N, C-alpha and C. Protein backbone atom coordinates (compact mmCIF):
# COMPACT_ATOMS: atom_id res chain seq x y z
N MET A 1 88.42 39.31 13.09
CA MET A 1 88.49 38.19 12.41
C MET A 1 87.06 37.97 11.63
N THR A 2 87.19 37.68 10.40
CA THR A 2 85.65 37.41 9.73
C THR A 2 85.67 35.86 9.47
N PHE A 3 84.47 35.52 9.46
CA PHE A 3 84.22 34.06 9.23
C PHE A 3 83.60 33.92 7.78
N PRO A 4 84.06 33.13 6.82
CA PRO A 4 83.68 33.04 5.57
C PRO A 4 82.26 32.63 5.27
N GLY A 5 81.64 31.84 6.15
CA GLY A 5 80.31 31.41 6.02
C GLY A 5 79.30 32.27 6.43
N LEU A 6 79.75 33.29 7.31
CA LEU A 6 78.78 34.13 8.26
C LEU A 6 77.87 35.02 7.32
N ASP A 7 78.58 35.51 6.27
CA ASP A 7 77.60 36.29 5.34
C ASP A 7 76.60 35.40 4.66
N ARG A 8 76.91 34.23 4.32
CA ARG A 8 76.06 33.28 3.92
C ARG A 8 74.79 32.75 4.86
N ILE A 9 75.21 32.72 6.06
CA ILE A 9 74.23 32.40 7.13
C ILE A 9 73.31 33.55 7.49
N GLU A 10 73.86 34.70 7.40
CA GLU A 10 72.99 35.88 7.68
C GLU A 10 71.97 36.06 6.49
N ALA A 11 72.36 35.80 5.23
CA ALA A 11 71.52 35.95 3.87
C ALA A 11 70.45 34.86 4.16
N LEU A 12 70.77 33.72 4.52
CA LEU A 12 69.87 32.72 4.58
C LEU A 12 68.70 32.89 5.84
N ALA A 13 69.27 33.51 6.83
CA ALA A 13 68.31 33.97 7.91
C ALA A 13 67.25 35.01 7.63
N ARG A 14 67.71 35.91 6.67
CA ARG A 14 66.99 37.04 6.25
C ARG A 14 65.91 36.39 5.25
N ASN A 15 66.26 35.47 4.46
CA ASN A 15 65.33 34.97 3.54
C ASN A 15 64.44 33.86 4.05
N LEU A 16 64.61 33.41 5.21
CA LEU A 16 63.99 32.25 5.80
C LEU A 16 62.49 32.45 5.96
N ASP A 17 62.11 33.71 6.50
CA ASP A 17 60.69 34.03 6.57
C ASP A 17 59.84 33.95 5.39
N SER A 18 60.50 34.60 4.42
CA SER A 18 59.71 34.59 3.09
C SER A 18 59.49 33.24 2.66
N TRP A 19 60.60 32.41 2.76
CA TRP A 19 60.66 31.09 2.19
C TRP A 19 59.49 30.19 2.92
N GLN A 20 59.56 30.16 4.10
CA GLN A 20 58.62 29.60 5.01
C GLN A 20 57.15 29.93 4.42
N ARG A 21 56.88 31.22 4.18
CA ARG A 21 55.43 31.62 3.72
C ARG A 21 55.33 31.00 2.40
N GLU A 22 56.16 31.00 1.49
CA GLU A 22 56.01 30.55 0.23
C GLU A 22 55.90 28.92 0.28
N LEU A 23 56.67 28.31 1.02
CA LEU A 23 56.37 26.95 1.41
C LEU A 23 55.02 26.59 1.90
N ALA A 24 54.62 27.36 2.82
CA ALA A 24 53.21 27.07 3.41
C ALA A 24 52.05 27.29 2.25
N GLY A 25 52.26 28.33 1.49
CA GLY A 25 51.30 28.41 0.31
C GLY A 25 51.48 27.17 -0.70
N LYS A 26 52.77 26.82 -0.95
CA LYS A 26 52.97 25.42 -1.73
C LYS A 26 52.26 24.19 -1.12
N MET A 27 52.28 24.07 0.09
CA MET A 27 51.66 22.94 0.83
C MET A 27 50.22 23.07 0.76
N THR A 28 49.69 24.14 0.85
CA THR A 28 48.07 24.44 0.54
C THR A 28 47.77 24.10 -0.74
N GLU A 29 48.53 24.62 -1.81
CA GLU A 29 48.31 24.27 -3.18
C GLU A 29 48.41 22.60 -3.26
N LEU A 30 49.41 22.07 -2.74
CA LEU A 30 49.55 20.57 -2.91
C LEU A 30 48.40 19.84 -2.18
N GLU A 31 47.85 20.33 -1.04
CA GLU A 31 46.80 19.73 -0.40
C GLU A 31 45.48 19.65 -1.36
N ASP A 32 45.33 20.76 -1.87
CA ASP A 32 44.20 21.01 -2.72
C ASP A 32 44.25 20.49 -4.06
N SER A 33 45.30 20.17 -4.49
CA SER A 33 45.53 19.61 -5.85
C SER A 33 45.10 18.07 -6.12
N SER A 34 44.74 17.85 -7.29
CA SER A 34 44.05 16.57 -7.72
C SER A 34 44.47 16.45 -9.14
N ALA A 35 44.44 15.35 -9.67
CA ALA A 35 44.62 15.00 -11.12
C ALA A 35 43.69 13.76 -11.67
N GLU A 36 43.42 14.00 -12.90
CA GLU A 36 42.52 13.15 -13.50
C GLU A 36 43.15 11.94 -14.52
N GLY A 37 42.72 10.90 -14.69
CA GLY A 37 43.19 9.97 -15.47
C GLY A 37 42.10 9.22 -16.26
N ALA A 38 42.21 8.91 -17.36
CA ALA A 38 41.12 8.15 -18.15
C ALA A 38 41.78 6.92 -18.76
N SER A 39 40.75 5.99 -18.89
CA SER A 39 41.06 4.72 -19.66
C SER A 39 41.24 5.09 -21.16
N ASP A 40 41.67 4.12 -21.67
CA ASP A 40 42.02 4.28 -23.27
C ASP A 40 40.75 4.57 -24.09
N SER A 41 39.63 3.90 -23.66
CA SER A 41 38.49 4.21 -24.41
C SER A 41 37.73 5.55 -23.96
N GLY A 42 38.24 6.00 -22.82
CA GLY A 42 37.62 7.35 -22.32
C GLY A 42 36.35 6.94 -21.52
N LEU A 43 35.94 5.81 -21.41
CA LEU A 43 34.72 5.59 -20.83
C LEU A 43 34.70 5.73 -19.24
N VAL A 44 35.92 5.41 -18.77
CA VAL A 44 36.16 5.57 -17.29
C VAL A 44 36.98 6.61 -17.04
N ARG A 45 36.79 7.61 -15.82
CA ARG A 45 37.71 8.59 -15.43
C ARG A 45 37.75 8.58 -13.97
N VAL A 46 38.98 8.83 -13.55
CA VAL A 46 39.26 8.64 -12.14
C VAL A 46 39.92 9.96 -11.71
N THR A 47 39.60 10.37 -10.59
CA THR A 47 40.42 11.72 -9.98
C THR A 47 41.01 11.21 -8.85
N ALA A 48 42.35 11.46 -8.62
CA ALA A 48 42.95 11.22 -7.48
C ALA A 48 43.73 12.46 -6.82
N ALA A 49 43.72 12.37 -5.49
CA ALA A 49 44.51 13.41 -4.67
C ALA A 49 45.91 13.35 -4.86
N ALA A 50 46.56 14.38 -4.37
CA ALA A 50 48.01 14.42 -4.35
C ALA A 50 48.69 13.28 -3.67
N ASP A 51 48.04 12.64 -2.80
CA ASP A 51 48.69 11.51 -2.09
C ASP A 51 48.31 10.08 -2.85
N GLY A 52 47.65 10.32 -3.83
CA GLY A 52 47.20 9.12 -4.80
C GLY A 52 45.92 8.58 -4.21
N THR A 53 45.20 8.98 -3.33
CA THR A 53 43.86 8.61 -2.91
C THR A 53 42.96 8.76 -3.93
N ILE A 54 42.17 7.95 -4.37
CA ILE A 54 40.96 8.07 -5.38
C ILE A 54 40.04 8.95 -4.74
N ILE A 55 39.63 9.97 -5.19
CA ILE A 55 38.68 10.98 -5.00
C ILE A 55 37.20 10.42 -5.53
N SER A 56 37.19 10.42 -6.87
CA SER A 56 36.08 10.14 -7.40
C SER A 56 36.24 9.45 -8.87
N THR A 57 35.25 8.66 -9.31
CA THR A 57 35.27 8.06 -10.50
C THR A 57 33.84 8.49 -11.40
N ASP A 58 34.12 8.40 -12.60
CA ASP A 58 33.11 8.84 -13.41
C ASP A 58 33.02 7.66 -14.61
N VAL A 59 31.85 6.96 -14.70
CA VAL A 59 31.65 5.91 -15.48
C VAL A 59 30.63 6.35 -16.78
N ASN A 60 30.96 6.43 -18.06
CA ASN A 60 30.06 6.59 -19.01
C ASN A 60 29.17 5.49 -19.09
N ALA A 61 27.86 5.77 -19.32
CA ALA A 61 26.77 4.57 -19.53
C ALA A 61 27.15 3.48 -20.50
N ARG A 62 27.81 3.92 -21.57
CA ARG A 62 28.47 2.95 -22.63
C ARG A 62 29.29 1.87 -21.80
N ALA A 63 30.01 2.20 -20.87
CA ALA A 63 30.93 1.40 -20.23
C ALA A 63 30.17 -0.15 -19.60
N MET A 64 28.87 0.33 -19.30
CA MET A 64 28.10 -0.91 -18.69
C MET A 64 27.88 -1.95 -19.90
N ARG A 65 28.12 -1.72 -21.08
CA ARG A 65 28.08 -2.84 -21.96
C ARG A 65 29.30 -3.75 -21.95
N LEU A 66 30.31 -3.22 -21.43
CA LEU A 66 31.66 -4.07 -21.31
C LEU A 66 31.56 -5.18 -20.43
N ASP A 67 32.31 -6.24 -20.57
CA ASP A 67 32.39 -7.40 -19.48
C ASP A 67 32.99 -7.01 -18.35
N SER A 68 32.84 -7.80 -17.38
CA SER A 68 33.56 -7.21 -15.94
C SER A 68 35.00 -7.33 -16.18
N TYR A 69 35.67 -7.97 -16.85
CA TYR A 69 37.17 -8.14 -16.93
C TYR A 69 37.69 -6.73 -17.72
N THR A 70 36.87 -6.47 -18.63
CA THR A 70 37.28 -5.30 -19.44
C THR A 70 37.05 -4.01 -18.78
N LEU A 71 35.90 -4.01 -17.91
CA LEU A 71 35.54 -2.81 -17.16
C LEU A 71 36.60 -2.72 -15.90
N ALA A 72 36.99 -3.83 -15.34
CA ALA A 72 38.11 -3.76 -14.47
C ALA A 72 39.37 -3.17 -14.87
N GLU A 73 39.57 -3.43 -15.99
CA GLU A 73 40.95 -3.02 -16.67
C GLU A 73 40.71 -1.55 -17.02
N GLU A 74 39.66 -1.04 -17.41
CA GLU A 74 39.39 0.24 -17.64
C GLU A 74 39.55 1.08 -16.37
N PHE A 75 39.02 0.59 -15.25
CA PHE A 75 39.20 1.25 -13.97
C PHE A 75 40.58 1.30 -13.52
N THR A 76 41.32 0.08 -13.74
CA THR A 76 42.61 0.11 -13.43
C THR A 76 43.70 0.98 -14.04
N THR A 77 43.33 1.15 -15.42
CA THR A 77 44.09 1.89 -16.29
C THR A 77 43.85 3.52 -15.82
N ALA A 78 42.61 3.68 -15.69
CA ALA A 78 42.32 5.28 -15.42
C ALA A 78 42.91 5.60 -13.99
N ALA A 79 42.68 4.67 -13.00
CA ALA A 79 43.37 5.01 -11.81
C ALA A 79 44.80 5.11 -11.70
N LYS A 80 45.44 4.27 -12.44
CA LYS A 80 46.89 4.33 -12.51
C LYS A 80 47.35 5.65 -13.06
N ARG A 81 46.70 6.18 -14.07
CA ARG A 81 46.99 7.24 -14.84
C ARG A 81 46.56 8.62 -13.79
N ALA A 82 45.55 8.42 -13.30
CA ALA A 82 45.29 9.51 -12.13
C ALA A 82 46.30 9.64 -11.24
N GLN A 83 46.76 8.57 -10.57
CA GLN A 83 47.73 8.60 -9.62
C GLN A 83 49.13 9.06 -10.13
N GLU A 84 49.55 8.53 -11.31
CA GLU A 84 50.73 9.09 -11.96
C GLU A 84 50.78 10.53 -12.23
N ALA A 85 49.69 11.15 -12.53
CA ALA A 85 49.52 12.48 -12.96
C ALA A 85 49.57 13.18 -11.61
N ALA A 86 49.04 12.70 -10.58
CA ALA A 86 48.98 13.35 -9.18
C ALA A 86 50.49 13.39 -8.64
N ALA A 87 51.27 12.23 -8.90
CA ALA A 87 52.68 12.21 -8.36
C ALA A 87 53.51 13.21 -9.12
N ALA A 88 53.28 13.33 -10.43
CA ALA A 88 53.86 14.16 -11.16
C ALA A 88 53.70 15.67 -10.80
N ARG A 89 52.42 16.10 -10.47
CA ARG A 89 52.16 17.48 -9.71
C ARG A 89 52.94 17.59 -8.50
N VAL A 90 52.94 16.48 -7.71
CA VAL A 90 53.64 16.72 -6.28
C VAL A 90 55.23 16.95 -6.68
N ARG A 91 55.73 16.25 -7.61
CA ARG A 91 57.37 16.27 -7.98
C ARG A 91 57.43 17.84 -8.56
N GLU A 92 56.45 18.36 -9.44
CA GLU A 92 56.63 19.54 -9.82
C GLU A 92 56.63 20.81 -8.78
N LEU A 93 55.68 20.64 -7.78
CA LEU A 93 55.52 21.53 -6.79
C LEU A 93 56.79 21.50 -5.75
N VAL A 94 57.02 20.22 -5.56
CA VAL A 94 58.30 19.96 -4.54
C VAL A 94 59.63 20.62 -5.35
N GLY A 95 59.62 20.25 -6.39
CA GLY A 95 60.71 20.98 -7.28
C GLY A 95 60.89 22.62 -7.32
N GLU A 96 59.62 23.04 -7.45
CA GLU A 96 59.58 24.52 -7.23
C GLU A 96 60.09 25.03 -5.79
N VAL A 97 59.73 24.29 -4.99
CA VAL A 97 59.94 24.67 -3.44
C VAL A 97 61.48 24.52 -3.15
N ILE A 98 62.06 23.39 -3.74
CA ILE A 98 63.45 23.20 -3.60
C ILE A 98 64.33 24.21 -4.37
N ALA A 99 63.86 24.48 -5.30
CA ALA A 99 64.48 25.54 -6.32
C ALA A 99 64.43 27.08 -5.73
N ASP A 100 63.34 27.09 -5.03
CA ASP A 100 63.27 28.45 -4.29
C ASP A 100 63.85 28.47 -2.81
N ALA A 101 64.28 27.46 -2.35
CA ALA A 101 64.74 27.39 -0.95
C ALA A 101 66.14 28.14 -0.79
N PRO A 102 66.27 28.90 0.18
CA PRO A 102 67.46 29.34 0.50
C PRO A 102 68.58 28.49 0.23
N GLY A 103 69.71 29.06 -0.70
CA GLY A 103 70.67 28.19 -1.14
C GLY A 103 70.36 26.96 -2.04
N GLY A 104 69.13 26.98 -2.51
CA GLY A 104 68.54 25.73 -3.34
C GLY A 104 69.34 25.85 -4.76
N ASN A 105 69.84 27.12 -5.24
CA ASN A 105 70.33 27.14 -6.63
C ASN A 105 71.93 26.90 -6.55
N ARG A 106 72.36 26.38 -5.63
CA ARG A 106 73.83 26.08 -5.43
C ARG A 106 74.18 25.16 -6.63
N PRO A 107 75.18 25.40 -7.33
CA PRO A 107 75.59 24.52 -8.37
C PRO A 107 76.07 23.18 -7.78
N ALA A 108 75.96 22.09 -8.50
CA ALA A 108 76.27 20.63 -8.10
C ALA A 108 77.79 20.70 -7.86
N ASP A 109 78.24 19.82 -7.00
CA ASP A 109 79.72 19.46 -6.89
C ASP A 109 80.09 18.56 -8.09
N SER A 110 81.14 19.23 -8.80
CA SER A 110 81.57 18.70 -9.98
C SER A 110 82.41 17.31 -9.70
N SER A 111 82.86 16.97 -8.44
CA SER A 111 83.71 15.85 -8.30
C SER A 111 82.56 14.73 -8.05
N ARG A 112 81.40 15.01 -7.98
CA ARG A 112 80.46 13.97 -7.51
C ARG A 112 79.58 13.33 -8.94
N ALA A 113 79.37 12.02 -8.94
CA ALA A 113 78.62 11.82 -10.06
C ALA A 113 77.08 11.88 -9.82
N ALA A 114 76.23 11.56 -10.78
CA ALA A 114 74.80 11.95 -10.64
C ALA A 114 74.33 11.17 -9.41
N ASP A 115 74.86 10.09 -9.04
CA ASP A 115 74.19 9.42 -7.89
C ASP A 115 74.81 9.76 -6.71
N GLY A 116 75.73 10.93 -6.58
CA GLY A 116 76.15 11.41 -5.40
C GLY A 116 77.55 10.83 -4.95
N SER A 117 78.12 9.92 -5.79
CA SER A 117 79.48 9.27 -5.37
C SER A 117 80.48 10.14 -5.95
N ARG A 118 81.85 9.77 -5.19
CA ARG A 118 82.80 10.54 -5.63
C ARG A 118 83.27 9.88 -7.03
N ALA A 119 84.25 10.78 -7.58
CA ALA A 119 84.85 10.22 -8.84
C ALA A 119 85.73 8.93 -8.34
N ALA A 120 86.09 8.14 -9.20
CA ALA A 120 86.77 6.78 -9.02
C ALA A 120 88.27 7.16 -8.57
N ASP A 121 88.87 8.28 -9.00
CA ASP A 121 90.26 8.52 -8.73
C ASP A 121 90.24 9.44 -7.61
N GLY A 122 89.04 9.72 -6.71
CA GLY A 122 89.03 10.33 -5.56
C GLY A 122 89.24 11.95 -5.63
N SER A 123 89.14 12.36 -6.76
CA SER A 123 89.44 13.67 -6.99
C SER A 123 88.32 14.63 -6.25
N ARG A 124 88.76 15.85 -5.96
CA ARG A 124 87.68 16.60 -5.27
C ARG A 124 87.61 18.09 -5.88
N ALA A 125 86.55 18.69 -5.91
CA ALA A 125 86.30 20.16 -6.35
C ALA A 125 87.00 20.88 -5.38
N ALA A 126 87.42 22.13 -6.10
CA ALA A 126 87.97 23.24 -5.13
C ALA A 126 87.14 23.33 -4.04
N ASP A 127 85.91 23.46 -4.20
CA ASP A 127 84.83 23.72 -2.92
C ASP A 127 84.31 22.55 -2.67
N ASP A 128 84.85 21.67 -1.66
CA ASP A 128 84.42 20.42 -1.37
C ASP A 128 83.68 20.57 0.02
N ARG A 129 82.65 21.27 0.27
CA ARG A 129 81.92 21.49 1.38
C ARG A 129 80.81 20.44 1.48
N PRO A 130 80.18 19.94 2.55
CA PRO A 130 79.08 19.13 2.55
C PRO A 130 77.89 19.65 1.93
N ASP A 131 76.93 18.85 1.46
CA ASP A 131 75.63 19.40 0.70
C ASP A 131 74.84 20.44 1.60
N TRP A 132 75.00 20.30 2.89
CA TRP A 132 74.05 21.09 3.69
C TRP A 132 74.76 22.50 4.00
N TYR A 133 76.11 22.72 3.48
CA TYR A 133 76.75 23.96 3.84
C TYR A 133 76.37 25.13 2.76
């Protein structure tokens, strides 16, 4: 007797070691990554780590001519842009890992909407396995 999912499980097991090595490399790349954001004037630059922590700031000497309110806005804008760029980099790396994961290229279940819910009529695709299958 043959089991329909056995071949797939064996293939996943064979690929697991290489995927784990690749995942470890991506995690290292993620830990070492950072992103920069600049204010509209370019007088303030902020660098953020992948987790959003501010690593460094650079203030052009001309920024010292700004009033405190404007300077605070410059810092806030630069920091927000740096954190958004860092988050985008994290999403990019995670997307690469998920796409390369064993079974990660499986087509979406056509009976599900984009939010994962089923069609209103309750219809099912011919292959209605759980997402983890």
